[in-house]
Structure formats: structure tokens, C-alpha cells
């Protein structure tokens, strides 16, 4: 089984995923270095340079830069005439992302954060996609704890990261990251608490596994 996790920055998704991994034994891919290591293991090194630069969370390049660079490449016509096997940069990033996500999904039971995983794995019956959020004040407090910053700085960080995530997701999927129709369930952590939310997802996993076994 694969659980994909998206949500608001500071909304509790990281904490819920950590607890879920503990009670299920699933591998929790919540760290860029874990994903990059898996990519290299899967032999996706050539495409990973672009992936590192334009990652939705920590990349150095902006989506605007990506679009500009790819547009220049396409308009030049150089690729179509002399190197048909060379993809524009945005397509390289998408190809790398899709390969990494599918590799992780094939590897073991796991939890994948962001990276358009719910979109790339949407045709798999063993995937449960989650969008996790929380009350504004609680989200701010998490960011204040993580970054050791003021409430004002935390709010700015939340707005900045949420904007980047939405731009990134929209660019590669033509969908909005916070559109509930993209997910199996949208969960407010403030209702269940982090541990309660993780237990609820575990119950969903068990139900999905039962359904899959009946349909074999």
C-alpha cells in the first residue's frame, strides 16, 4: 500500500505521517535526501539535477525560471532538429518525478510526501491519497517550533511555501493542489489530533486491503 500526503505547510501532515509509519511499519519518505538516494538507486541520476533544482519544497529554481528556460529551448527549435531525445527542462523534471514516485511505490509499503505523487499514482488501486490541514494558529506554532522564528515570520513562511507548492503542482498536473477532488480524503488534524488521524488512516488502509483481497 502507498499513502500519498499533501497539505498545508505546518498543517500536521509530517507529524501524522511519522506516527502512521510507526504504527504500520511503512517507510516514510519525508526527507529530500531519502528520495534522492532512492532515485540514484533506481538509476535516475541524469534527470535528478533538474529535479534537485526545481523541487517543490527546497529547490533553488523557481517555477517561472523553469517555464522561461523550457520556453527558450522550445522556441529555438534546436531540439526538434538536432536532438529529438533531449527533453525540455520541465519535461525532464516531470519524467524524473514520475520515475522516482513509481519506483518508491513499487519498492515497499510507503508514505510519499508531495512530489505530485497522488497524480502520478492515481491509476493504482493500492494508493490512498490524503490532504492534511489544521487550524491556522496550530500551523503557525509548528513552523515557529521548526524554524525557531516569530509568529509573523512563520505566517510569511506558510504563505510562501503554500504558494510554491500550488504553483509546482499546478504546473505539472494542470490541477490545484488544494482541490479536494484530487484526494481520497481531506482531513483536519484539529478534529482528530495527530495520533487519531494516523489511526484513522491505518483503518482506511485495512479497509482498502480487504477490498483488494475480495477483488482478486
Protein backbone atom coordinates (compact mmCIF):
# COMPACT_ATOMS: atom_id res chain seq x y z
CA UNK A 1 0.00 0.00 0.00
CA UNK A 2 1.05 3.56 -0.67
CA UNK A 3 -0.14 6.65 1.18
CA UNK A 4 0.39 9.99 -0.55
CA UNK A 5 0.38 13.05 1.70
CA UNK A 6 -0.23 16.62 0.64
CA UNK A 7 -1.41 19.53 2.71
CA UNK A 8 -0.80 22.98 4.06
CA UNK A 9 2.71 23.82 5.26
CA UNK A 10 2.68 23.26 9.01
CA UNK A 11 -0.72 21.59 8.78
CA UNK A 12 0.34 18.42 10.59
CA UNK A 13 0.95 16.13 7.62
CA UNK A 14 4.54 15.45 8.61
CA UNK A 15 3.60 14.53 12.18
CA UNK A 16 0.67 12.35 11.13
CA UNK A 17 2.86 10.54 8.59
CA UNK A 18 5.57 9.94 11.20
CA UNK A 19 3.06 8.36 13.60
CA UNK A 20 1.46 6.37 10.79
CA UNK A 21 4.87 4.97 9.81
CA UNK A 22 5.46 3.91 13.43
CA UNK A 23 2.16 2.04 13.76
CA UNK A 24 2.23 0.43 10.30
CA UNK A 25 5.94 -0.13 9.66
CA UNK A 26 5.69 1.77 6.38
CA UNK A 27 8.72 3.61 5.01
CA UNK A 28 8.15 7.35 5.40
CA UNK A 29 9.73 9.31 2.54
CA UNK A 30 9.56 12.73 4.18
CA UNK A 31 13.14 13.80 3.55
CA UNK A 32 14.66 15.05 0.29
CA UNK A 33 17.84 13.04 0.84
CA UNK A 34 15.86 9.79 1.21
CA UNK A 35 14.10 10.45 -2.09
CA UNK A 36 17.32 11.43 -3.86
CA UNK A 37 19.03 8.28 -2.58
CA UNK A 38 16.14 6.18 -3.87
CA UNK A 39 16.36 7.96 -7.22
CA UNK A 40 20.04 7.11 -7.57
CA UNK A 41 19.31 3.53 -6.53
CA UNK A 42 16.71 3.39 -9.30
CA UNK A 43 19.21 4.74 -11.83
CA UNK A 44 17.54 8.13 -12.28
CA UNK A 45 20.69 10.21 -11.94
CA UNK A 46 20.68 12.12 -15.23
CA UNK A 47 17.29 13.67 -14.67
CA UNK A 48 17.87 14.34 -10.97
CA UNK A 49 19.91 17.52 -11.49
CA UNK A 50 16.83 19.34 -12.71
CA UNK A 51 14.73 17.62 -10.05
CA UNK A 52 17.03 18.91 -7.28
CA UNK A 53 16.94 22.48 -8.61
CA UNK A 54 13.16 22.68 -9.01
CA UNK A 55 11.88 20.51 -6.17
CA UNK A 56 8.60 21.86 -4.74
CA UNK A 57 9.94 22.27 -1.21
CA UNK A 58 13.64 23.08 -1.25
CA UNK A 59 14.64 23.68 -4.85
CA UNK A 60 16.66 26.74 -5.78
CA UNK A 61 14.96 27.41 -9.10
CA UNK A 62 11.51 28.96 -9.41
CA UNK A 63 8.64 27.68 -11.49
CA UNK A 64 8.90 30.91 -13.51
CA UNK A 65 12.55 30.11 -14.26
CA UNK A 66 11.63 26.59 -15.29
CA UNK A 67 8.93 27.86 -17.64
CA UNK A 68 11.22 30.52 -19.11
CA UNK A 69 14.08 28.08 -19.72
CA UNK A 70 11.83 25.47 -21.30
CA UNK A 71 10.14 28.10 -23.49
CA UNK A 72 13.51 29.28 -24.77
CA UNK A 73 14.50 25.71 -25.59
CA UNK A 74 11.25 25.06 -27.47
CA UNK A 75 11.28 28.33 -29.41
CA UNK A 76 14.83 27.81 -30.56
CA UNK A 77 13.76 24.71 -32.47
CA UNK A 78 17.17 23.22 -31.77
CA UNK A 79 15.80 20.14 -30.03
CA UNK A 80 13.40 19.08 -32.77
CA UNK A 81 16.04 19.47 -35.50
CA UNK A 82 19.16 18.05 -33.90
CA UNK A 83 18.40 16.21 -30.65
CA UNK A 84 14.91 14.77 -30.52
CA UNK A 85 15.80 12.66 -27.50
CA UNK A 86 16.58 15.72 -25.33
CA UNK A 87 13.55 16.89 -23.37
CA UNK A 88 12.81 20.48 -22.37
CA UNK A 89 13.63 21.12 -18.73
CA UNK A 90 10.05 20.96 -17.43
CA UNK A 91 9.52 17.60 -19.09
CA UNK A 92 12.80 16.36 -17.59
CA UNK A 93 11.62 17.31 -14.13
CA UNK A 94 8.23 15.64 -14.67
CA UNK A 95 9.85 12.48 -16.06
CA UNK A 96 12.25 12.27 -13.11
CA UNK A 97 9.48 12.86 -10.61
CA UNK A 98 7.20 10.24 -12.16
CA UNK A 99 10.03 7.66 -12.20
CA UNK A 100 11.01 8.31 -8.60
CA UNK A 101 7.44 8.15 -7.30
CA UNK A 102 6.66 4.93 -9.17
CA UNK A 103 9.94 3.39 -8.03
CA UNK A 104 9.10 4.14 -4.39
CA UNK A 105 5.56 2.78 -4.84
CA UNK A 106 6.92 -0.47 -6.33
CA UNK A 107 9.61 -0.85 -3.68
CA UNK A 108 7.58 -1.33 -0.49
CA UNK A 109 4.68 -0.14 1.62
CA UNK A 110 5.37 3.55 1.99
CA UNK A 111 4.27 7.10 2.62
CA UNK A 112 5.23 9.69 -0.01
CA UNK A 113 5.05 13.42 0.68
CA UNK A 114 4.14 15.81 -2.14
CA UNK A 115 6.00 15.44 -5.46
CA UNK A 116 2.68 15.11 -7.33
CA UNK A 117 2.57 11.50 -6.09
CA UNK A 118 -1.23 11.38 -5.89
CA UNK A 119 -1.37 12.44 -9.56
CA UNK A 120 1.33 10.07 -10.83
CA UNK A 121 -0.09 7.09 -8.91
CA UNK A 122 -3.79 7.79 -9.48
CA UNK A 123 -4.32 4.65 -11.57
CA UNK A 124 -3.11 2.31 -8.83
CA UNK A 125 -5.74 0.60 -6.64
CA UNK A 126 -3.33 0.29 -3.69
CA UNK A 127 -2.93 4.06 -3.20
CA UNK A 128 -4.74 6.23 -0.67
CA UNK A 129 -4.28 9.96 -1.23
CA UNK A 130 -4.54 12.37 1.69
CA UNK A 131 -4.71 16.15 2.08
CA UNK A 132 -3.98 17.18 5.65
CA UNK A 133 -4.57 20.58 7.20
CA UNK A 134 -5.02 22.18 10.62
CA UNK A 135 -6.15 25.37 12.32
CA UNK A 136 -4.14 28.45 11.38
CA UNK A 137 -2.73 29.05 14.87
CA UNK A 138 -1.58 25.45 15.26
CA UNK A 139 0.08 25.52 11.84
CA UNK A 140 1.87 28.73 12.77
CA UNK A 141 3.04 27.20 16.05
CA UNK A 142 4.54 24.19 14.26
CA UNK A 143 6.51 26.46 11.93
CA UNK A 144 7.64 28.61 14.85
CA UNK A 145 8.97 25.46 16.54
CA UNK A 146 10.65 24.13 13.38
CA UNK A 147 12.27 27.39 12.31
CA UNK A 148 12.67 28.98 15.77
CA UNK A 149 11.00 32.12 14.47
CA UNK A 150 8.29 34.62 15.34
CA UNK A 151 4.60 34.21 14.54
CA UNK A 152 4.91 36.86 11.84
CA UNK A 153 7.84 35.06 10.20
CA UNK A 154 6.00 31.73 10.45
CA UNK A 155 2.94 33.17 8.71
CA UNK A 156 5.13 34.52 5.89
CA UNK A 157 6.82 31.13 5.53
CA UNK A 158 3.45 29.35 5.36
CA UNK A 159 2.18 31.68 2.65
CA UNK A 160 5.42 31.39 0.66
CA UNK A 161 5.68 27.60 0.81
CA UNK A 162 1.97 27.02 0.13
CA UNK A 163 2.21 29.31 -2.90
CA UNK A 164 5.24 27.44 -4.24
CA UNK A 165 3.62 24.06 -3.69
CA UNK A 166 0.46 25.10 -5.51
CA UNK A 167 2.45 26.56 -8.42
CA UNK A 168 4.54 23.41 -8.65
CA UNK A 169 1.56 21.03 -8.53
CA UNK A 170 -0.46 23.12 -10.99
CA UNK A 171 2.45 23.41 -13.41
CA UNK A 172 2.87 19.65 -13.74
CA UNK A 173 -0.72 18.46 -13.34
CA UNK A 174 -2.98 21.34 -14.51
CA UNK A 175 -4.80 20.92 -11.19
CA UNK A 176 -4.90 22.82 -7.89
CA UNK A 177 -3.10 21.13 -5.03
CA UNK A 178 -5.87 22.07 -2.56
CA UNK A 179 -8.76 20.85 -4.73
CA UNK A 180 -10.46 18.15 -2.60
CA UNK A 181 -11.45 16.17 -5.71
CA UNK A 182 -7.76 15.23 -6.10
CA UNK A 183 -7.79 13.18 -2.89
CA UNK A 184 -9.48 10.19 -1.28
CA UNK A 185 -9.84 12.15 1.93
CA UNK A 186 -9.24 15.67 3.24
CA UNK A 187 -8.51 15.63 6.96
CA UNK A 188 -8.45 18.41 9.54
CA UNK A 189 -5.96 17.35 12.21
CA UNK A 190 -7.57 19.63 14.79
CA UNK A 191 -10.63 17.33 14.82
CA UNK A 192 -8.80 14.05 15.45
CA UNK A 193 -5.39 15.05 16.75
CA UNK A 194 -2.20 13.77 15.12
CA UNK A 195 -2.39 10.31 16.66
CA UNK A 196 -6.11 9.97 16.00
CA UNK A 197 -5.61 10.98 12.37
CA UNK A 198 -2.87 8.37 11.96
CA UNK A 199 -5.11 5.67 13.46
CA UNK A 200 -7.94 6.68 11.15
CA UNK A 201 -5.68 6.37 8.11
CA UNK A 202 -4.49 2.96 9.36
CA UNK A 203 -8.12 1.84 9.49
CA UNK A 204 -8.60 3.08 5.93
CA UNK A 205 -5.58 1.03 4.84
CA UNK A 206 -7.08 -2.10 6.37
CA UNK A 207 -10.42 -1.49 4.64
CA UNK A 208 -8.72 -0.93 1.28
CA UNK A 209 -6.65 -4.10 1.71
CA UNK A 210 -9.82 -6.09 2.44
CA UNK A 211 -11.48 -4.72 -0.69
CA UNK A 212 -8.43 -5.54 -2.81
CA UNK A 213 -8.33 -9.09 -1.46
CA UNK A 214 -12.03 -9.61 -2.23
CA UNK A 215 -11.50 -8.40 -5.80
CA UNK A 216 -8.58 -10.73 -6.54
